[in-house]
Amino acid sequence: MKITEITNEKYDEKMFLVIILGTLEAVINKKITINEVNSILPVGMHKKYKFNKKINDLLIECHYIEDFESLLPNELESQLHELKEQTLLLLSEYNEYSNVRWLTMGIQDGF
């Protein structure tokens, strides 16, 4: 599945925070590797989409996780939890968007 359109609406920002949260949780629980983080959260993502500055900063910090793994391995776990807490804090700033379909997929996606 590819997310090909992000409209920069607040619910898109919230959806992306959920993706970041899931990515961090998967790394914390060793279900994905640190290297996979950059595949899920591409480096240029914060430049391509004009998200809230706090989200852009969080994305940049997520890309430094690899540095923690190699340079400060003893601090990796606490850094991951700190990023998770930052993500949860940002999520709490958004309203509920249950009246908006967050993802839409076309016939070519098999749905």
PDB file of N, CA and C in Angstrom:
ATOM      1  N   MET A   1       0.851  -1.176   0.000  1.00  0.00           N
ATOM      2  CA  MET A   1       0.000   0.000   0.000  1.00  0.00           C
ATOM      3  C   MET A   1       0.891   1.231   0.000  1.00  0.00           C
ATOM      4  N   LYS A   2       0.539   2.202  -0.799  1.00  0.00           N
ATOM      5  CA  LYS A   2       1.234   3.479  -0.824  1.00  0.00           C
ATOM      6  C   LYS A   2       0.251   4.562  -0.426  1.00  0.00           C
ATOM      7  N   ILE A   3       0.724   5.461   0.406  1.00  0.00           N
ATOM      8  CA  ILE A   3      -0.059   6.661   0.686  1.00  0.00           C
ATOM      9  C   ILE A   3       0.442   7.686  -0.317  1.00  0.00           C
ATOM     10  N   THR A   4      -0.405   8.025  -1.268  1.00  0.00           N
ATOM     11  CA  THR A   4       0.040   8.891  -2.358  1.00  0.00           C
ATOM     12  C   THR A   4      -0.484  10.316  -2.255  1.00  0.00           C
ATOM     13  N   GLU A   5      -1.431  10.530  -1.398  1.00  0.00           N
ATOM     14  CA  GLU A   5      -1.999  11.870  -1.297  1.00  0.00           C
ATOM     15  C   GLU A   5      -2.207  12.225   0.162  1.00  0.00           C
ATOM     16  N   ILE A   6      -1.580  13.295   0.554  1.00  0.00           N
ATOM     17  CA  ILE A   6      -1.797  13.838   1.891  1.00  0.00           C
ATOM     18  C   ILE A   6      -2.217  15.277   1.677  1.00  0.00           C
ATOM     19  N   THR A   7      -3.307  15.660   2.272  1.00  0.00           N
ATOM     20  CA  THR A   7      -3.896  16.965   1.971  1.00  0.00           C
ATOM     21  C   THR A   7      -3.491  18.064   2.936  1.00  0.00           C
ATOM     22  N   ASN A   8      -2.676  17.727   3.930  1.00  0.00           N
ATOM     23  CA  ASN A   8      -2.242  18.686   4.939  1.00  0.00           C
ATOM     24  C   ASN A   8      -3.370  19.138   5.859  1.00  0.00           C
ATOM     25  N   GLU A   9      -4.464  18.429   5.837  1.00  0.00           N
ATOM     26  CA  GLU A   9      -5.523  18.706   6.786  1.00  0.00           C
ATOM     27  C   GLU A   9      -5.084  18.189   8.149  1.00  0.00           C
ATOM     28  N   LYS A  10      -5.735  18.663   9.189  1.00  0.00           N
ATOM     29  CA  LYS A  10      -5.378  18.247  10.544  1.00  0.00           C
ATOM     30  C   LYS A  10      -5.516  16.745  10.737  1.00  0.00           C
ATOM     31  N   TYR A  11      -6.505  16.136  10.101  1.00  0.00           N
ATOM     32  CA  TYR A  11      -6.642  14.684  10.268  1.00  0.00           C
ATOM     33  C   TYR A  11      -5.507  13.937   9.587  1.00  0.00           C
ATOM     34  N   ASP A  12      -4.930  14.505   8.528  1.00  0.00           N
ATOM     35  CA  ASP A  12      -3.762  13.880   7.908  1.00  0.00           C
ATOM     36  C   ASP A  12      -2.566  13.935   8.854  1.00  0.00           C
ATOM     37  N   GLU A  13      -2.414  15.055   9.542  1.00  0.00           N
ATOM     38  CA  GLU A  13      -1.343  15.155  10.528  1.00  0.00           C
ATOM     39  C   GLU A  13      -1.549  14.129  11.631  1.00  0.00           C
ATOM     40  N   LYS A  14      -2.778  14.001  12.081  1.00  0.00           N
ATOM     41  CA  LYS A  14      -3.076  13.034  13.140  1.00  0.00           C
ATOM     42  C   LYS A  14      -2.805  11.615  12.649  1.00  0.00           C
ATOM     43  N   MET A  15      -3.199  11.311  11.421  1.00  0.00           N
ATOM     44  CA  MET A  15      -2.947   9.981  10.867  1.00  0.00           C
ATOM     45  C   MET A  15      -1.447   9.709  10.814  1.00  0.00           C
ATOM     46  N   PHE A  16      -0.684  10.697  10.419  1.00  0.00           N
ATOM     47  CA  PHE A  16       0.758  10.495  10.327  1.00  0.00           C
ATOM     48  C   PHE A  16       1.371  10.298  11.712  1.00  0.00           C
ATOM     49  N   LEU A  17       0.845  10.980  12.712  1.00  0.00           N
ATOM     50  CA  LEU A  17       1.315  10.752  14.084  1.00  0.00           C
ATOM     51  C   LEU A  17       1.027   9.321  14.523  1.00  0.00           C
ATOM     52  N   VAL A  18      -0.105   8.782  14.109  1.00  0.00           N
ATOM     53  CA  VAL A  18      -0.439   7.385  14.428  1.00  0.00           C
ATOM     54  C   VAL A  18       0.574   6.450  13.754  1.00  0.00           C
ATOM     55  N   ILE A  19       0.973   6.768  12.531  1.00  0.00           N
ATOM     56  CA  ILE A  19       1.986   5.962  11.838  1.00  0.00           C
ATOM     57  C   ILE A  19       3.321   6.041  12.582  1.00  0.00           C
ATOM     58  N   ILE A  20       3.707   7.233  13.005  1.00  0.00           N
ATOM     59  CA  ILE A  20       4.946   7.393  13.772  1.00  0.00           C
ATOM     60  C   ILE A  20       4.865   6.594  15.067  1.00  0.00           C
ATOM     61  N   LEU A  21       3.742   6.703  15.759  1.00  0.00           N
ATOM     62  CA  LEU A  21       3.562   5.987  17.024  1.00  0.00           C
ATOM     63  C   LEU A  21       3.689   4.477  16.824  1.00  0.00           C
ATOM     64  N   GLY A  22       3.035   3.960  15.813  1.00  0.00           N
ATOM     65  CA  GLY A  22       3.112   2.527  15.529  1.00  0.00           C
ATOM     66  C   GLY A  22       4.525   2.088  15.178  1.00  0.00           C
ATOM     67  N   THR A  23       5.224   2.923  14.436  1.00  0.00           N
ATOM     68  CA  THR A  23       6.609   2.622  14.072  1.00  0.00           C
ATOM     69  C   THR A  23       7.486   2.560  15.312  1.00  0.00           C
ATOM     70  N   LEU A  24       7.348   3.561  16.181  1.00  0.00           N
ATOM     71  CA  LEU A  24       8.145   3.580  17.412  1.00  0.00           C
ATOM     72  C   LEU A  24       7.814   2.392  18.305  1.00  0.00           C
ATOM     73  N   GLU A  25       6.538   2.085  18.435  1.00  0.00           N
ATOM     74  CA  GLU A  25       6.114   0.952  19.270  1.00  0.00           C
ATOM     75  C   GLU A  25       6.687  -0.356  18.723  1.00  0.00           C
ATOM     76  N   ALA A  26       6.690  -0.507  17.411  1.00  0.00           N
ATOM     77  CA  ALA A  26       7.233  -1.721  16.798  1.00  0.00           C
ATOM     78  C   ALA A  26       8.740  -1.836  17.035  1.00  0.00           C
ATOM     79  N   VAL A  27       9.456  -0.722  16.984  1.00  0.00           N
ATOM     80  CA  VAL A  27      10.898  -0.747  17.262  1.00  0.00           C
ATOM     81  C   VAL A  27      11.142  -1.075  18.732  1.00  0.00           C
ATOM     82  N   ILE A  28      10.408  -0.428  19.618  1.00  0.00           N
ATOM     83  CA  ILE A  28      10.560  -0.673  21.056  1.00  0.00           C
ATOM     84  C   ILE A  28      10.355  -2.150  21.370  1.00  0.00           C
ATOM     85  N   ASN A  29       9.376  -2.764  20.728  1.00  0.00           N
ATOM     86  CA  ASN A  29       9.060  -4.175  20.976  1.00  0.00           C
ATOM     87  C   ASN A  29       9.826  -5.129  20.062  1.00  0.00           C
ATOM     88  N   LYS A  30      10.819  -4.576  19.350  1.00  0.00           N
ATOM     89  CA  LYS A  30      11.707  -5.371  18.497  1.00  0.00           C
ATOM     90  C   LYS A  30      10.959  -6.193  17.436  1.00  0.00           C
ATOM     91  N   LYS A  31       9.914  -5.599  16.890  1.00  0.00           N
ATOM     92  CA  LYS A  31       9.156  -6.231  15.807  1.00  0.00           C
ATOM     93  C   LYS A  31       9.634  -5.746  14.441  1.00  0.00           C
ATOM     94  N   ILE A  32      10.297  -4.587  14.423  1.00  0.00           N
ATOM     95  CA  ILE A  32      10.965  -4.094  13.225  1.00  0.00           C
ATOM     96  C   ILE A  32      12.336  -3.588  13.656  1.00  0.00           C
ATOM     97  N   THR A  33      13.226  -3.436  12.678  1.00  0.00           N
ATOM     98  CA  THR A  33      14.574  -2.956  12.982  1.00  0.00           C
ATOM     99  C   THR A  33      14.637  -1.434  12.877  1.00  0.00           C
ATOM    100  N   ILE A  34      15.701  -0.893  13.427  1.00  0.00           N
ATOM    101  CA  ILE A  34      15.940   0.550  13.318  1.00  0.00           C
ATOM    102  C   ILE A  34      16.052   0.942  11.842  1.00  0.00           C
ATOM    103  N   ASN A  35      16.683   0.101  11.044  1.00  0.00           N
ATOM    104  CA  ASN A  35      16.835   0.402   9.614  1.00  0.00           C
ATOM    105  C   ASN A  35      15.488   0.519   8.916  1.00  0.00           C
ATOM    106  N   GLU A  36      14.502  -0.223   9.375  1.00  0.00           N
ATOM    107  CA  GLU A  36      13.179  -0.164   8.752  1.00  0.00           C
ATOM    108  C   GLU A  36      12.466   1.157   9.034  1.00  0.00           C
ATOM    109  N   VAL A  37      12.868   1.841  10.089  1.00  0.00           N
ATOM    110  CA  VAL A  37      12.241   3.127  10.419  1.00  0.00           C
ATOM    111  C   VAL A  37      12.362   4.089   9.242  1.00  0.00           C
ATOM    112  N   ASN A  38      13.543   4.155   8.636  1.00  0.00           N
ATOM    113  CA  ASN A  38      13.738   5.075   7.514  1.00  0.00           C
ATOM    114  C   ASN A  38      12.974   4.651   6.271  1.00  0.00           C
ATOM    115  N   SER A  39      12.613   3.376   6.180  1.00  0.00           N
ATOM    116  CA  SER A  39      11.774   2.926   5.066  1.00  0.00           C
ATOM    117  C   SER A  39      10.322   3.336   5.283  1.00  0.00           C
ATOM    118  N   ILE A  40       9.898   3.304   6.538  1.00  0.00           N
ATOM    119  CA  ILE A  40       8.518   3.660   6.874  1.00  0.00           C
ATOM    120  C   ILE A  40       8.348   5.174   6.919  1.00  0.00           C
ATOM    121  N   LEU A  41       9.346   5.851   7.469  1.00  0.00           N
ATOM    122  CA  LEU A  41       9.323   7.312   7.598  1.00  0.00           C
ATOM    123  C   LEU A  41      10.465   7.879   6.752  1.00  0.00           C
ATOM    124  N   PRO A  42      10.286   8.001   5.439  1.00  0.00           N
ATOM    125  CA  PRO A  42      11.370   8.452   4.568  1.00  0.00           C
ATOM    126  C   PRO A  42      11.955   9.792   4.998  1.00  0.00           C
ATOM    127  N   VAL A  43      13.253   9.933   4.773  1.00  0.00           N
ATOM    128  CA  VAL A  43      13.997  11.102   5.232  1.00  0.00           C
ATOM    129  C   VAL A  43      13.386  12.416   4.759  1.00  0.00           C
ATOM    130  N   GLY A  44      12.980  12.518   3.520  1.00  0.00           N
ATOM    131  CA  GLY A  44      12.461  13.778   2.997  1.00  0.00           C
ATOM    132  C   GLY A  44      11.003  14.053   3.311  1.00  0.00           C
ATOM    133  N   MET A  45      10.368  13.168   4.062  1.00  0.00           N
ATOM    134  CA  MET A  45       8.928  13.283   4.335  1.00  0.00           C
ATOM    135  C   MET A  45       8.583  14.641   4.937  1.00  0.00           C
ATOM    136  N   HIS A  46       9.391  15.107   5.878  1.00  0.00           N
ATOM    137  CA  HIS A  46       9.071  16.370   6.550  1.00  0.00           C
ATOM    138  C   HIS A  46       9.192  17.563   5.609  1.00  0.00           C
ATOM    139  N   LYS A  47       9.963  17.419   4.525  1.00  0.00           N
ATOM    140  CA  LYS A  47      10.089  18.507   3.558  1.00  0.00           C
ATOM    141  C   LYS A  47       8.955  18.477   2.540  1.00  0.00           C
ATOM    142  N   LYS A  48       8.534  17.274   2.175  1.00  0.00           N
ATOM    143  CA  LYS A  48       7.512  17.127   1.138  1.00  0.00           C
ATOM    144  C   LYS A  48       6.147  17.624   1.604  1.00  0.00           C
ATOM    145  N   TYR A  49       5.790  17.288   2.841  1.00  0.00           N
ATOM    146  CA  TYR A  49       4.487  17.671   3.372  1.00  0.00           C
ATOM    147  C   TYR A  49       4.667  18.768   4.401  1.00  0.00           C
ATOM    148  N   LYS A  50       3.839  19.742   4.349  1.00  0.00           N
ATOM    149  CA  LYS A  50       3.961  20.896   5.244  1.00  0.00           C
ATOM    150  C   LYS A  50       3.187  20.655   6.535  1.00  0.00           C
ATOM    151  N   PHE A  51       3.671  19.692   7.295  1.00  0.00           N
ATOM    152  CA  PHE A  51       3.044  19.399   8.572  1.00  0.00           C
ATOM    153  C   PHE A  51       3.394  20.479   9.587  1.00  0.00           C
ATOM    154  N   ASN A  52       2.688  20.429  10.680  1.00  0.00           N
ATOM    155  CA  ASN A  52       2.983  21.241  11.851  1.00  0.00           C
ATOM    156  C   ASN A  52       4.481  21.118  12.159  1.00  0.00           C
ATOM    157  N   LYS A  53       5.114  22.205  12.564  1.00  0.00           N
ATOM    158  CA  LYS A  53       6.553  22.207  12.850  1.00  0.00           C
ATOM    159  C   LYS A  53       6.929  21.151  13.880  1.00  0.00           C
ATOM    160  N   LYS A  54       6.075  20.932  14.866  1.00  0.00           N
ATOM    161  CA  LYS A  54       6.373  19.928  15.895  1.00  0.00           C
ATOM    162  C   LYS A  54       6.458  18.527  15.287  1.00  0.00           C
ATOM    163  N   ILE A  55       5.606  18.243  14.307  1.00  0.00           N
ATOM    164  CA  ILE A  55       5.648  16.938  13.637  1.00  0.00           C
ATOM    165  C   ILE A  55       6.910  16.834  12.790  1.00  0.00           C
ATOM    166  N   ASN A  56       7.242  17.899  12.080  1.00  0.00           N
ATOM    167  CA  ASN A  56       8.472  17.901  11.288  1.00  0.00           C
ATOM    168  C   ASN A  56       9.687  17.647  12.172  1.00  0.00           C
ATOM    169  N   ASP A  57       9.737  18.315  13.317  1.00  0.00           N
ATOM    170  CA  ASP A  57      10.849  18.124  14.250  1.00  0.00           C
ATOM    171  C   ASP A  57      10.887  16.689  14.767  1.00  0.00           C
ATOM    172  N   LEU A  58       9.729  16.127  15.054  1.00  0.00           N
ATOM    173  CA  LEU A  58       9.645  14.745  15.528  1.00  0.00           C
ATOM    174  C   LEU A  58      10.159  13.778  14.458  1.00  0.00           C
ATOM    175  N   LEU A  59       9.782  14.001  13.207  1.00  0.00           N
ATOM    176  CA  LEU A  59      10.267  13.158  12.107  1.00  0.00           C
ATOM    177  C   LEU A  59      11.788  13.205  12.005  1.00  0.00           C
ATOM    178  N   ILE A  60      12.337  14.391  12.119  1.00  0.00           N
ATOM    179  CA  ILE A  60      13.795  14.538  12.062  1.00  0.00           C
ATOM    180  C   ILE A  60      14.438  13.765  13.211  1.00  0.00           C
ATOM    181  N   GLU A  61      13.876  13.884  14.409  1.00  0.00           N
ATOM    182  CA  GLU A  61      14.403  13.147  15.561  1.00  0.00           C
ATOM    183  C   GLU A  61      14.312  11.638  15.349  1.00  0.00           C
ATOM    184  N   CYS A  62      13.246  11.182  14.723  1.00  0.00           N
ATOM    185  CA  CYS A  62      13.101   9.743  14.453  1.00  0.00           C
ATOM    186  C   CYS A  62      14.222   9.239  13.550  1.00  0.00           C
ATOM    187  N   HIS A  63      14.727  10.102  12.692  1.00  0.00           N
ATOM    188  CA  HIS A  63      15.799   9.688  11.792  1.00  0.00           C
ATOM    189  C   HIS A  63      17.143   9.623  12.498  1.00  0.00           C
ATOM    190  N   TYR A  64      17.240  10.225  13.685  1.00  0.00           N
ATOM    191  CA  TYR A  64      18.474  10.146  14.461  1.00  0.00           C
ATOM    192  C   TYR A  64      18.526   8.901  15.335  1.00  0.00           C
ATOM    193  N   ILE A  65      17.477   8.096  15.330  1.00  0.00           N
ATOM    194  CA  ILE A  65      17.459   6.869  16.134  1.00  0.00           C
ATOM    195  C   ILE A  65      18.629   5.971  15.745  1.00  0.00           C
ATOM    196  N   GLU A  66      18.925   5.912  14.468  1.00  0.00           N
ATOM    197  CA  GLU A  66      20.032   5.085  13.982  1.00  0.00           C
ATOM    198  C   GLU A  66      21.354   5.527  14.615  1.00  0.00           C
ATOM    199  N   ASP A  67      21.525   6.839  14.791  1.00  0.00           N
ATOM    200  CA  ASP A  67      22.737   7.349  15.442  1.00  0.00           C
ATOM    201  C   ASP A  67      22.816   6.891  16.891  1.00  0.00           C
ATOM    202  N   PHE A  68      21.687   6.910  17.572  1.00  0.00           N
ATOM    203  CA  PHE A  68      21.672   6.439  18.958  1.00  0.00           C
ATOM    204  C   PHE A  68      22.073   4.970  19.023  1.00  0.00           C
ATOM    205  N   GLU A  69      21.580   4.197  18.068  1.00  0.00           N
ATOM    206  CA  GLU A  69      21.885   2.764  18.060  1.00  0.00           C
ATOM    207  C   GLU A  69      23.388   2.527  17.924  1.00  0.00           C
ATOM    208  N   SER A  70      24.053   3.305  17.065  1.00  0.00           N
ATOM    209  CA  SER A  70      25.480   3.075  16.833  1.00  0.00           C
ATOM    210  C   SER A  70      26.389   3.852  17.788  1.00  0.00           C
ATOM    211  N   LEU A  71      26.011   5.062  18.157  1.00  0.00           N
ATOM    212  CA  LEU A  71      26.890   5.905  18.971  1.00  0.00           C
ATOM    213  C   LEU A  71      26.580   5.878  20.463  1.00  0.00           C
ATOM    214  N   LEU A  72      25.310   5.775  20.810  1.00  0.00           N
ATOM    215  CA  LEU A  72      24.889   5.804  22.216  1.00  0.00           C
ATOM    216  C   LEU A  72      23.912   4.666  22.495  1.00  0.00           C
ATOM    217  N   PRO A  73      24.347   3.418  22.306  1.00  0.00           N
ATOM    218  CA  PRO A  73      23.410   2.293  22.432  1.00  0.00           C
ATOM    219  C   PRO A  73      22.739   2.189  23.801  1.00  0.00           C
ATOM    220  N   ASN A  74      23.405   2.660  24.844  1.00  0.00           N
ATOM    221  CA  ASN A  74      22.811   2.604  26.183  1.00  0.00           C
ATOM    222  C   ASN A  74      21.646   3.570  26.340  1.00  0.00           C
ATOM    223  N   GLU A  75      21.582   4.576  25.471  1.00  0.00           N
ATOM    224  CA  GLU A  75      20.519   5.578  25.548  1.00  0.00           C
ATOM    225  C   GLU A  75      19.399   5.336  24.537  1.00  0.00           C
ATOM    226  N   LEU A  76      19.558   4.315  23.709  1.00  0.00           N
ATOM    227  CA  LEU A  76      18.582   4.055  22.645  1.00  0.00           C
ATOM    228  C   LEU A  76      17.180   3.828  23.194  1.00  0.00           C
ATOM    229  N   GLU A  77      17.057   2.957  24.168  1.00  0.00           N
ATOM    230  CA  GLU A  77      15.737   2.620  24.720  1.00  0.00           C
ATOM    231  C   GLU A  77      15.039   3.855  25.287  1.00  0.00           C
ATOM    232  N   SER A  78      15.772   4.656  26.046  1.00  0.00           N
ATOM    233  CA  SER A  78      15.146   5.853  26.627  1.00  0.00           C
ATOM    234  C   SER A  78      14.788   6.866  25.543  1.00  0.00           C
ATOM    235  N   GLN A  79      15.599   6.961  24.495  1.00  0.00           N
ATOM    236  CA  GLN A  79      15.292   7.871  23.389  1.00  0.00           C
ATOM    237  C   GLN A  79      14.027   7.434  22.660  1.00  0.00           C
ATOM    238  N   LEU A  80      13.881   6.132  22.441  1.00  0.00           N
ATOM    239  CA  LEU A  80      12.673   5.617  21.788  1.00  0.00           C
ATOM    240  C   LEU A  80      11.430   5.929  22.614  1.00  0.00           C
ATOM    241  N   HIS A  81      11.527   5.739  23.921  1.00  0.00           N
ATOM    242  CA  HIS A  81      10.382   6.031  24.791  1.00  0.00           C
ATOM    243  C   HIS A  81      10.085   7.530  24.837  1.00  0.00           C
ATOM    244  N   GLU A  82      11.121   8.343  24.798  1.00  0.00           N
ATOM    245  CA  GLU A  82      10.928   9.796  24.773  1.00  0.00           C
ATOM    246  C   GLU A  82      10.203  10.217  23.490  1.00  0.00           C
ATOM    247  N   LEU A  83      10.611   9.660  22.364  1.00  0.00           N
ATOM    248  CA  LEU A  83       9.943   9.969  21.091  1.00  0.00           C
ATOM    249  C   LEU A  83       8.492   9.501  21.105  1.00  0.00           C
ATOM    250  N   LYS A  84       8.261   8.355  21.708  1.00  0.00           N
ATOM    251  CA  LYS A  84       6.887   7.842  21.821  1.00  0.00           C
ATOM    252  C   LYS A  84       6.039   8.795  22.660  1.00  0.00           C
ATOM    253  N   GLU A  85       6.580   9.268  23.777  1.00  0.00           N
ATOM    254  CA  GLU A  85       5.842  10.206  24.631  1.00  0.00           C
ATOM    255  C   GLU A  85       5.576  11.524  23.909  1.00  0.00           C
ATOM    256  N   GLN A  86       6.554  12.006  23.154  1.00  0.00           N
ATOM    257  CA  GLN A  86       6.353  13.232  22.368  1.00  0.00           C
ATOM    258  C   GLN A  86       5.225  13.040  21.360  1.00  0.00           C
ATOM    259  N   THR A  87       5.204  11.876  20.738  1.00  0.00           N
ATOM    260  CA  THR A  87       4.164  11.574  19.745  1.00  0.00           C
ATOM    261  C   THR A  87       2.791  11.544  20.398  1.00  0.00           C
ATOM    262  N   LEU A  88       2.693  10.884  21.545  1.00  0.00           N
ATOM    263  CA  LEU A  88       1.410  10.825  22.262  1.00  0.00           C
ATOM    264  C   LEU A  88       0.959  12.218  22.687  1.00  0.00           C
ATOM    265  N   LEU A  89       1.896  13.032  23.123  1.00  0.00           N
ATOM    266  CA  LEU A  89       1.569  14.403  23.523  1.00  0.00           C
ATOM    267  C   LEU A  89       1.034  15.194  22.327  1.00  0.00           C
ATOM    268  N   LEU A  90       1.683  15.064  21.190  1.00  0.00           N
ATOM    269  CA  LEU A  90       1.199  15.747  19.986  1.00  0.00           C
ATOM    270  C   LEU A  90      -0.178  15.237  19.572  1.00  0.00           C
ATOM    271  N   LEU A  91      -0.383  13.927  19.654  1.00  0.00           N
ATOM    272  CA  LEU A  91      -1.696  13.360  19.310  1.00  0.00           C
ATOM    273  C   LEU A  91      -2.802  13.953  20.163  1.00  0.00           C
ATOM    274  N   SER A  92      -2.498  14.216  21.409  1.00  0.00           N
ATOM    275  CA  SER A  92      -3.520  14.750  22.321  1.00  0.00           C
ATOM    276  C   SER A  92      -3.947  16.166  21.949  1.00  0.00           C
ATOM    277  N   GLU A  93      -3.194  16.833  21.094  1.00  0.00           N
ATOM    278  CA  GLU A  93      -3.529  18.195  20.673  1.00  0.00           C
ATOM    279  C   GLU A  93      -4.562  18.225  19.543  1.00  0.00           C
ATOM    280  N   TYR A  94      -4.902  17.065  18.996  1.00  0.00           N
ATOM    281  CA  TYR A  94      -5.810  17.006  17.853  1.00  0.00           C
ATOM    282  C   TYR A  94      -7.213  16.593  18.278  1.00  0.00           C
ATOM    283  N   ASN A  95      -8.181  17.119  17.571  1.00  0.00           N
ATOM    284  CA  ASN A  95      -9.578  16.751  17.794  1.00  0.00           C
ATOM    285  C   ASN A  95      -9.848  15.354  17.259  1.00  0.00           C
ATOM    286  N   GLU A  96     -11.017  14.843  17.580  1.00  0.00           N
ATOM    287  CA  GLU A  96     -11.464  13.567  17.025  1.00  0.00           C
ATOM    288  C   GLU A  96     -11.910  13.802  15.583  1.00  0.00           C
ATOM    289  N   TYR A  97     -11.552  12.870  14.716  1.00  0.00           N
ATOM    290  CA  TYR A  97     -11.926  12.980  13.309  1.00  0.00           C
ATOM    291  C   TYR A  97     -12.618  11.709  12.843  1.00  0.00           C
ATOM    292  N   SER A  98     -13.589  11.249  13.598  1.00  0.00           N
ATOM    293  CA  SER A  98     -14.283  10.013  13.224  1.00  0.00           C
ATOM    294  C   SER A  98     -15.228  10.220  12.040  1.00  0.00           C
ATOM    295  N   ASN A  99     -15.513  11.462  11.696  1.00  0.00           N
ATOM    296  CA  ASN A  99     -16.404  11.741  10.570  1.00  0.00           C
ATOM    297  C   ASN A  99     -15.651  11.847   9.245  1.00  0.00           C
ATOM    298  N   VAL A 100     -14.338  11.609   9.268  1.00  0.00           N
ATOM    299  CA  VAL A 100     -13.509  11.709   8.070  1.00  0.00           C
ATOM    300  C   VAL A 100     -12.866  10.354   7.817  1.00  0.00           C
ATOM    301  N   ARG A 101     -12.939   9.871   6.569  1.00  0.00           N
ATOM    302  CA  ARG A 101     -12.243   8.625   6.223  1.00  0.00           C
ATOM    303  C   ARG A 101     -10.764   8.968   6.066  1.00  0.00           C
ATOM    304  N   TRP A 102      -9.961   8.404   6.934  1.00  0.00           N
ATOM    305  CA  TRP A 102      -8.539   8.748   6.959  1.00  0.00           C
ATOM    306  C   TRP A 102      -7.786   8.201   5.762  1.00  0.00           C
ATOM    307  N   LEU A 103      -8.118   6.997   5.341  1.00  0.00           N
ATOM    308  CA  LEU A 103      -7.459   6.380   4.193  1.00  0.00           C
ATOM    309  C   LEU A 103      -8.512   5.972   3.183  1.00  0.00           C
ATOM    310  N   THR A 104      -8.230   6.194   1.926  1.00  0.00           N
ATOM    311  CA  THR A 104      -9.104   5.681   0.877  1.00  0.00           C
ATOM    312  C   THR A 104      -8.235   4.894  -0.087  1.00  0.00           C
ATOM    313  N   MET A 105      -8.776   3.802  -0.561  1.00  0.00           N
ATOM    314  CA  MET A 105      -8.040   2.952  -1.489  1.00  0.00           C
ATOM    315  C   MET A 105      -8.911   2.696  -2.701  1.00  0.00           C
ATOM    316  N   GLY A 106      -8.270   2.634  -3.839  1.00  0.00           N
ATOM    317  CA  GLY A 106      -8.999   2.390  -5.073  1.00  0.00           C
ATOM    318  C   GLY A 106      -9.095   0.914  -5.401  1.00  0.00           C
ATOM    319  N   ILE A 107      -9.822   0.622  -6.452  1.00  0.00           N
ATOM    320  CA  ILE A 107     -10.008  -0.751  -6.921  1.00  0.00           C
ATOM    321  C   ILE A 107      -8.662  -1.427  -7.176  1.00  0.00           C
ATOM    322  N   GLN A 108      -7.691  -0.693  -7.728  1.00  0.00           N
ATOM    323  CA  GLN A 108      -6.396  -1.285  -8.032  1.00  0.00           C
ATOM    324  C   GLN A 108      -5.702  -1.806  -6.779  1.00  0.00           C
ATOM    325  N   ASP A 109      -6.094  -1.339  -5.609  1.00  0.00           N
ATOM    326  CA  ASP A 109      -5.511  -1.807  -4.357  1.00  0.00           C
ATOM    327  C   ASP A 109      -6.187  -3.075  -3.858  1.00  0.00           C
ATOM    328  N   GLY A 110      -7.234  -3.508  -4.534  1.00  0.00           N
ATOM    329  CA  GLY A 110      -7.914  -4.729  -4.139  1.00  0.00           C
ATOM    330  C   GLY A 110      -8.976  -4.534  -3.077  1.00  0.00           C
ATOM    331  N   PHE A 111      -9.388  -3.308  -2.850  1.00  0.00           N
ATOM    332  CA  PHE A 111     -10.403  -3.039  -1.828  1.00  0.00           C
ATOM    333  C   PHE A 111     -11.633  -2.429  -2.456  1.00  0.00           C
TER     334      PHE A 111
END
